[in-house]
Amino acid sequence: MGEYVPDYKASLWLVNYERAHGKKVGLTRGTFDLINPGHLDFLSRAKELCDVLLVNINNVEWYKNHKGKGNEPVRKEINRIELIKRLEPVDYVFMHPGIGQHIHPAVFLALYCKPDFFIRKDEDPRWAFEEKRIFSEHDYHPDFVILPRSDWDESSSEIRERVKEMMRPEISIEMLSDWLTQMRILHNKS
């Protein structure tokens, strides 16, 4: 079980401590809202690359600014922290507030504590390009690993969109109508 570290400044000490004990440290990031098998698979594969896995969870403010209002996470920040820290591959969890940076909080955290690996999902390639550019500008060159999406991977955003689609009034009425028809058929058979 991992540990939640509320102060990102402790990350520097943690990385140095683990390195002093011969361990390789990796950092990844995500919103981790609607936990699904894809999240578990991604974190397990990330942990295979390193001895110690740090996970930075996106906070609500960052998410609203980058994904738009109305798309914020369903789960409260503390609940996402609790879920992620209980997963076997995770050693330390951070929720860096972003403190007005114009870069992603996990990139800021990586620049601060300099883990050996920066691990991300295979998403929009512009993000990876931008992250690599920022690291290079700061003379920081971690092993930058992009893990491909797995067969189980589905983003929380995708799940939220499917739920919204299912909750459309016309869909709900259609589903209710189908259910009533099935009940009538069953009733007539008895």
C-alpha atoms as a PDB file:
ATOM      1  CA  MET A   1       0.000   0.000   0.000  1.00  0.00           C
ATOM      2  CA  GLY A   2       1.297   3.414  -0.945  1.00  0.00           C
ATOM      3  CA  GLU A   3       1.542   6.531   1.116  1.00  0.00           C
ATOM      4  CA  TYR A   4      -0.027   9.919   0.453  1.00  0.00           C
ATOM      5  CA  VAL A   5       2.511  12.735   0.659  1.00  0.00           C
ATOM      6  CA  PRO A   6       0.636  16.053   0.979  1.00  0.00           C
ATOM      7  CA  ASP A   7       3.700  18.279   0.530  1.00  0.00           C
ATOM      8  CA  TYR A   8       5.323  17.970  -2.893  1.00  0.00           C
ATOM      9  CA  LYS A   9       8.595  19.289  -1.428  1.00  0.00           C
ATOM     10  CA  ALA A  10       9.017  15.944   0.336  1.00  0.00           C
ATOM     11  CA  SER A  11       9.359  14.313  -3.092  1.00  0.00           C
ATOM     12  CA  LEU A  12      12.954  15.524  -3.399  1.00  0.00           C
ATOM     13  CA  TRP A  13      13.888  13.888  -0.108  1.00  0.00           C
ATOM     14  CA  LEU A  14      12.011  10.672  -1.045  1.00  0.00           C
ATOM     15  CA  VAL A  15      13.712  10.356  -4.424  1.00  0.00           C
ATOM     16  CA  ASN A  16      17.155  11.002  -2.925  1.00  0.00           C
ATOM     17  CA  TYR A  17      16.479   8.536  -0.084  1.00  0.00           C
ATOM     18  CA  GLU A  18      15.359   5.774  -2.466  1.00  0.00           C
ATOM     19  CA  ARG A  19      18.308   6.405  -4.810  1.00  0.00           C
ATOM     20  CA  ALA A  20      20.718   6.257  -1.868  1.00  0.00           C
ATOM     21  CA  HIS A  21      19.346   2.750  -1.280  1.00  0.00           C
ATOM     22  CA  GLY A  22      20.016   1.752  -4.889  1.00  0.00           C
ATOM     23  CA  LYS A  23      16.465   2.089  -6.146  1.00  0.00           C
ATOM     24  CA  LYS A  24      15.208   3.501  -9.439  1.00  0.00           C
ATOM     25  CA  VAL A  25      12.303   5.922  -9.111  1.00  0.00           C
ATOM     26  CA  GLY A  26       9.517   6.486 -11.640  1.00  0.00           C
ATOM     27  CA  LEU A  27       6.844   9.168 -11.769  1.00  0.00           C
ATOM     28  CA  THR A  28       3.538   9.020 -13.579  1.00  0.00           C
ATOM     29  CA  ARG A  29       0.376  11.035 -13.579  1.00  0.00           C
ATOM     30  CA  GLY A  30      -3.332  10.874 -14.204  1.00  0.00           C
ATOM     31  CA  THR A  31      -6.746  11.862 -12.953  1.00  0.00           C
ATOM     32  CA  PHE A  32      -7.635   8.327 -11.820  1.00  0.00           C
ATOM     33  CA  ASP A  33     -11.288   9.192 -11.403  1.00  0.00           C
ATOM     34  CA  LEU A  34     -13.328   6.163 -12.428  1.00  0.00           C
ATOM     35  CA  ILE A  35     -10.808   3.425 -11.694  1.00  0.00           C
ATOM     36  CA  ASN A  36     -10.976   0.606 -14.230  1.00  0.00           C
ATOM     37  CA  PRO A  37      -8.791  -2.329 -15.337  1.00  0.00           C
ATOM     38  CA  GLY A  38      -6.894  -0.056 -17.732  1.00  0.00           C
ATOM     39  CA  HIS A  39      -5.679   2.074 -14.813  1.00  0.00           C
ATOM     40  CA  LEU A  40      -4.546  -1.018 -12.908  1.00  0.00           C
ATOM     41  CA  ASP A  41      -2.755  -2.392 -15.955  1.00  0.00           C
ATOM     42  CA  PHE A  42      -1.036   0.942 -16.653  1.00  0.00           C
ATOM     43  CA  LEU A  43       0.206   1.308 -13.054  1.00  0.00           C
ATOM     44  CA  SER A  44       1.408  -2.311 -12.989  1.00  0.00           C
ATOM     45  CA  ARG A  45       3.360  -1.834 -16.221  1.00  0.00           C
ATOM     46  CA  ALA A  46       4.786   1.461 -14.926  1.00  0.00           C
ATOM     47  CA  LYS A  47       5.951  -0.261 -11.732  1.00  0.00           C
ATOM     48  CA  GLU A  48       7.737  -2.947 -13.777  1.00  0.00           C
ATOM     49  CA  LEU A  49      10.079  -0.187 -15.005  1.00  0.00           C
ATOM     50  CA  CYS A  50      11.150   1.049 -11.586  1.00  0.00           C
ATOM     51  CA  ASP A  51      11.557   0.054  -7.954  1.00  0.00           C
ATOM     52  CA  VAL A  52       9.566   2.954  -6.537  1.00  0.00           C
ATOM     53  CA  LEU A  53       6.520   4.452  -8.258  1.00  0.00           C
ATOM     54  CA  LEU A  54       5.357   7.997  -7.537  1.00  0.00           C
ATOM     55  CA  VAL A  55       1.876   8.910  -8.794  1.00  0.00           C
ATOM     56  CA  ASN A  56       0.771  12.510  -9.208  1.00  0.00           C
ATOM     57  CA  ILE A  57      -3.018  12.822  -9.309  1.00  0.00           C
ATOM     58  CA  ASN A  58      -4.478  15.719 -11.284  1.00  0.00           C
ATOM     59  CA  ASN A  59      -6.350  18.133  -9.052  1.00  0.00           C
ATOM     60  CA  VAL A  60      -9.770  19.567  -9.895  1.00  0.00           C
ATOM     61  CA  GLU A  61      -8.457  23.033 -10.784  1.00  0.00           C
ATOM     62  CA  TRP A  62      -5.981  21.678 -13.334  1.00  0.00           C
ATOM     63  CA  TYR A  63      -8.630  19.407 -14.775  1.00  0.00           C
ATOM     64  CA  LYS A  64     -11.206  22.206 -15.162  1.00  0.00           C
ATOM     65  CA  ASN A  65      -8.630  24.460 -16.833  1.00  0.00           C
ATOM     66  CA  HIS A  66      -7.561  21.808 -19.345  1.00  0.00           C
ATOM     67  CA  LYS A  67     -10.663  19.689 -19.917  1.00  0.00           C
ATOM     68  CA  GLY A  68     -13.342  22.358 -19.462  1.00  0.00           C
ATOM     69  CA  LYS A  69     -16.005  23.042 -16.888  1.00  0.00           C
ATOM     70  CA  GLY A  70     -18.523  20.258 -16.590  1.00  0.00           C
ATOM     71  CA  ASN A  71     -15.868  17.619 -17.256  1.00  0.00           C
ATOM     72  CA  GLU A  72     -14.322  17.668 -13.811  1.00  0.00           C
ATOM     73  CA  PRO A  73     -13.753  14.391 -11.972  1.00  0.00           C
ATOM     74  CA  VAL A  74     -16.734  12.640 -10.401  1.00  0.00           C
ATOM     75  CA  ARG A  75     -14.820  11.551  -7.293  1.00  0.00           C
ATOM     76  CA  LYS A  76     -13.519  13.981  -4.695  1.00  0.00           C
ATOM     77  CA  GLU A  77      -9.749  14.470  -4.611  1.00  0.00           C
ATOM     78  CA  ILE A  78      -9.341  12.717  -1.234  1.00  0.00           C
ATOM     79  CA  ASN A  79     -11.254   9.680  -2.515  1.00  0.00           C
ATOM     80  CA  ARG A  80      -9.055   9.420  -5.615  1.00  0.00           C
ATOM     81  CA  ILE A  81      -5.975   9.646  -3.381  1.00  0.00           C
ATOM     82  CA  GLU A  82      -7.320   6.896  -1.108  1.00  0.00           C
ATOM     83  CA  LEU A  83      -8.091   4.600  -4.046  1.00  0.00           C
ATOM     84  CA  ILE A  84      -4.729   5.029  -5.761  1.00  0.00           C
ATOM     85  CA  LYS A  85      -2.585   4.709  -2.646  1.00  0.00           C
ATOM     86  CA  ARG A  86      -4.205   1.335  -1.924  1.00  0.00           C
ATOM     87  CA  LEU A  87      -3.126  -0.168  -5.232  1.00  0.00           C
ATOM     88  CA  GLU A  88      -0.185  -2.559  -5.033  1.00  0.00           C
ATOM     89  CA  PRO A  89       2.052  -0.952  -7.679  1.00  0.00           C
ATOM     90  CA  VAL A  90       1.880   2.495  -6.042  1.00  0.00           C
ATOM     91  CA  ASP A  91       4.462   3.603  -3.478  1.00  0.00           C
ATOM     92  CA  TYR A  92       3.772   7.326  -3.059  1.00  0.00           C
ATOM     93  CA  VAL A  93       0.858   9.542  -4.095  1.00  0.00           C
ATOM     94  CA  PHE A  94       0.975  13.310  -4.598  1.00  0.00           C
ATOM     95  CA  MET A  95      -1.680  15.802  -5.554  1.00  0.00           C
ATOM     96  CA  HIS A  96       0.410  18.788  -6.414  1.00  0.00           C
ATOM     97  CA  PRO A  97      -1.772  21.896  -6.483  1.00  0.00           C
ATOM     98  CA  GLY A  98      -0.096  23.448  -9.508  1.00  0.00           C
ATOM     99  CA  ILE A  99       0.514  26.749  -7.725  1.00  0.00           C
ATOM    100  CA  GLY A 100      -0.009  28.908 -10.788  1.00  0.00           C
ATOM    101  CA  GLN A 101       2.425  27.059 -13.048  1.00  0.00           C
ATOM    102  CA  HIS A 102       1.697  27.044 -16.732  1.00  0.00           C
ATOM    103  CA  ILE A 103       2.974  23.494 -16.968  1.00  0.00           C
ATOM    104  CA  HIS A 104       1.356  20.276 -15.816  1.00  0.00           C
ATOM    105  CA  PRO A 105       1.754  19.702 -12.055  1.00  0.00           C
ATOM    106  CA  ALA A 106       3.431  16.318 -12.671  1.00  0.00           C
ATOM    107  CA  VAL A 107       5.974  17.951 -14.980  1.00  0.00           C
ATOM    108  CA  PHE A 108       6.664  20.538 -12.292  1.00  0.00           C
ATOM    109  CA  LEU A 109       7.002  17.720  -9.738  1.00  0.00           C
ATOM    110  CA  ALA A 110       9.407  15.839 -12.040  1.00  0.00           C
ATOM    111  CA  LEU A 111      11.535  18.955 -12.508  1.00  0.00           C
ATOM    112  CA  TYR A 112      11.592  19.395  -8.751  1.00  0.00           C
ATOM    113  CA  CYS A 113      12.481  15.859  -7.621  1.00  0.00           C
ATOM    114  CA  LYS A 114      14.050  14.477 -10.843  1.00  0.00           C
ATOM    115  CA  PRO A 115      12.953  10.817 -10.849  1.00  0.00           C
ATOM    116  CA  ASP A 116      14.816   8.367 -13.071  1.00  0.00           C
ATOM    117  CA  PHE A 117      11.723   7.674 -15.197  1.00  0.00           C
ATOM    118  CA  PHE A 118       8.854   9.829 -16.370  1.00  0.00           C
ATOM    119  CA  ILE A 119       6.118   7.416 -17.431  1.00  0.00           C
ATOM    120  CA  ARG A 120       2.989   8.332 -19.320  1.00  0.00           C
ATOM    121  CA  LYS A 121       0.204   6.779 -21.322  1.00  0.00           C
ATOM    122  CA  ASP A 122       0.138   6.831 -25.085  1.00  0.00           C
ATOM    123  CA  GLU A 123      -2.208   9.796 -25.468  1.00  0.00           C
ATOM    124  CA  ASP A 124      -2.045  13.007 -27.464  1.00  0.00           C
ATOM    125  CA  PRO A 125       1.563  13.112 -28.778  1.00  0.00           C
ATOM    126  CA  ARG A 126       1.634  16.912 -28.407  1.00  0.00           C
ATOM    127  CA  TRP A 127       1.661  16.493 -24.614  1.00  0.00           C
ATOM    128  CA  ALA A 128       4.671  14.177 -24.678  1.00  0.00           C
ATOM    129  CA  PHE A 129       6.473  16.517 -27.078  1.00  0.00           C
ATOM    130  CA  GLU A 130       5.782  19.485 -24.788  1.00  0.00           C
ATOM    131  CA  GLU A 131       6.883  17.598 -21.681  1.00  0.00           C
ATOM    132  CA  LYS A 132      10.138  16.516 -23.321  1.00  0.00           C
ATOM    133  CA  ARG A 133      10.757  20.100 -24.482  1.00  0.00           C
ATOM    134  CA  ILE A 134      10.243  21.462 -20.961  1.00  0.00           C
ATOM    135  CA  PHE A 135      12.525  18.821 -19.454  1.00  0.00           C
ATOM    136  CA  SER A 136      15.214  19.588 -22.020  1.00  0.00           C
ATOM    137  CA  GLU A 137      14.974  23.344 -21.348  1.00  0.00           C
ATOM    138  CA  HIS A 138      15.675  22.567 -17.683  1.00  0.00           C
ATOM    139  CA  ASP A 139      18.560  20.198 -18.510  1.00  0.00           C
ATOM    140  CA  TYR A 140      16.642  17.242 -17.086  1.00  0.00           C
ATOM    141  CA  HIS A 141      16.723  14.044 -19.140  1.00  0.00           C
ATOM    142  CA  PRO A 142      14.832  11.196 -17.487  1.00  0.00           C
ATOM    143  CA  ASP A 143      14.082   7.926 -19.214  1.00  0.00           C
ATOM    144  CA  PHE A 144      10.884   9.151 -20.868  1.00  0.00           C
ATOM    145  CA  VAL A 145       8.595   6.154 -21.302  1.00  0.00           C
ATOM    146  CA  ILE A 146       5.320   6.162 -23.190  1.00  0.00           C
ATOM    147  CA  LEU A 147       3.319   3.028 -22.471  1.00  0.00           C
ATOM    148  CA  PRO A 148       0.867   1.952 -25.162  1.00  0.00           C
ATOM    149  CA  ARG A 149      -2.787   1.644 -24.266  1.00  0.00           C
ATOM    150  CA  SER A 150      -3.814  -1.865 -23.293  1.00  0.00           C
ATOM    151  CA  ASP A 151      -6.863  -3.817 -24.411  1.00  0.00           C
ATOM    152  CA  TRP A 152      -8.461  -2.964 -21.050  1.00  0.00           C
ATOM    153  CA  ASP A 153      -7.768   0.727 -21.241  1.00  0.00           C
ATOM    154  CA  GLU A 154     -10.691   3.102 -21.160  1.00  0.00           C
ATOM    155  CA  SER A 155     -10.388   6.597 -19.827  1.00  0.00           C
ATOM    156  CA  SER A 156     -12.603   8.043 -17.126  1.00  0.00           C
ATOM    157  CA  SER A 157     -13.689  10.622 -19.731  1.00  0.00           C
ATOM    158  CA  GLU A 158     -14.863   7.832 -22.037  1.00  0.00           C
ATOM    159  CA  ILE A 159     -16.817   6.192 -19.216  1.00  0.00           C
ATOM    160  CA  ARG A 160     -18.394   9.513 -18.222  1.00  0.00           C
ATOM    161  CA  GLU A 161     -19.471  10.120 -21.836  1.00  0.00           C
ATOM    162  CA  ARG A 162     -21.090   6.669 -22.057  1.00  0.00           C
ATOM    163  CA  VAL A 163     -22.973   7.281 -18.789  1.00  0.00           C
ATOM    164  CA  LYS A 164     -24.146  10.712 -20.020  1.00  0.00           C
ATOM    165  CA  GLU A 165     -25.331   9.091 -23.257  1.00  0.00           C
ATOM    166  CA  MET A 166     -27.232   6.455 -21.317  1.00  0.00           C
ATOM    167  CA  MET A 167     -28.861   9.106 -19.141  1.00  0.00           C
ATOM    168  CA  ARG A 168     -30.311  11.103 -22.030  1.00  0.00           C
ATOM    169  CA  PRO A 169     -34.091  11.243 -21.483  1.00  0.00           C
ATOM    170  CA  GLU A 170     -34.909   9.679 -24.857  1.00  0.00           C
ATOM    171  CA  ILE A 171     -32.506   6.790 -24.150  1.00  0.00           C
ATOM    172  CA  SER A 172     -33.941   6.267 -20.659  1.00  0.00           C
ATOM    173  CA  ILE A 173     -37.508   6.197 -22.045  1.00  0.00           C
ATOM    174  CA  GLU A 174     -36.425   3.768 -24.756  1.00  0.00           C
ATOM    175  CA  MET A 175     -34.769   1.515 -22.170  1.00  0.00           C
ATOM    176  CA  LEU A 176     -37.870   1.683 -19.942  1.00  0.00           C
ATOM    177  CA  SER A 177     -40.086   0.838 -22.907  1.00  0.00           C
ATOM    178  CA  ASP A 178     -37.913  -2.180 -23.755  1.00  0.00           C
ATOM    179  CA  TRP A 179     -38.029  -3.328 -20.149  1.00  0.00           C
ATOM    180  CA  LEU A 180     -41.829  -2.982 -20.003  1.00  0.00           C
ATOM    181  CA  THR A 181     -42.149  -4.969 -23.235  1.00  0.00           C
ATOM    182  CA  GLN A 182     -39.961  -7.733 -21.781  1.00  0.00           C
ATOM    183  CA  MET A 183     -42.067  -7.772 -18.589  1.00  0.00           C
ATOM    184  CA  ARG A 184     -45.298  -8.066 -20.628  1.00  0.00           C
ATOM    185  CA  ILE A 185     -43.829 -10.960 -22.615  1.00  0.00           C
ATOM    186  CA  LEU A 186     -42.764 -12.724 -19.407  1.00  0.00           C
ATOM    187  CA  HIS A 187     -46.149 -12.032 -17.807  1.00  0.00           C
ATOM    188  CA  ASN A 188     -48.041 -13.390 -20.832  1.00  0.00           C
ATOM    189  CA  LYS A 189     -45.946 -16.591 -20.758  1.00  0.00           C
ATOM    190  CA  SER A 190     -46.878 -17.318 -17.159  1.00  0.00           C
END
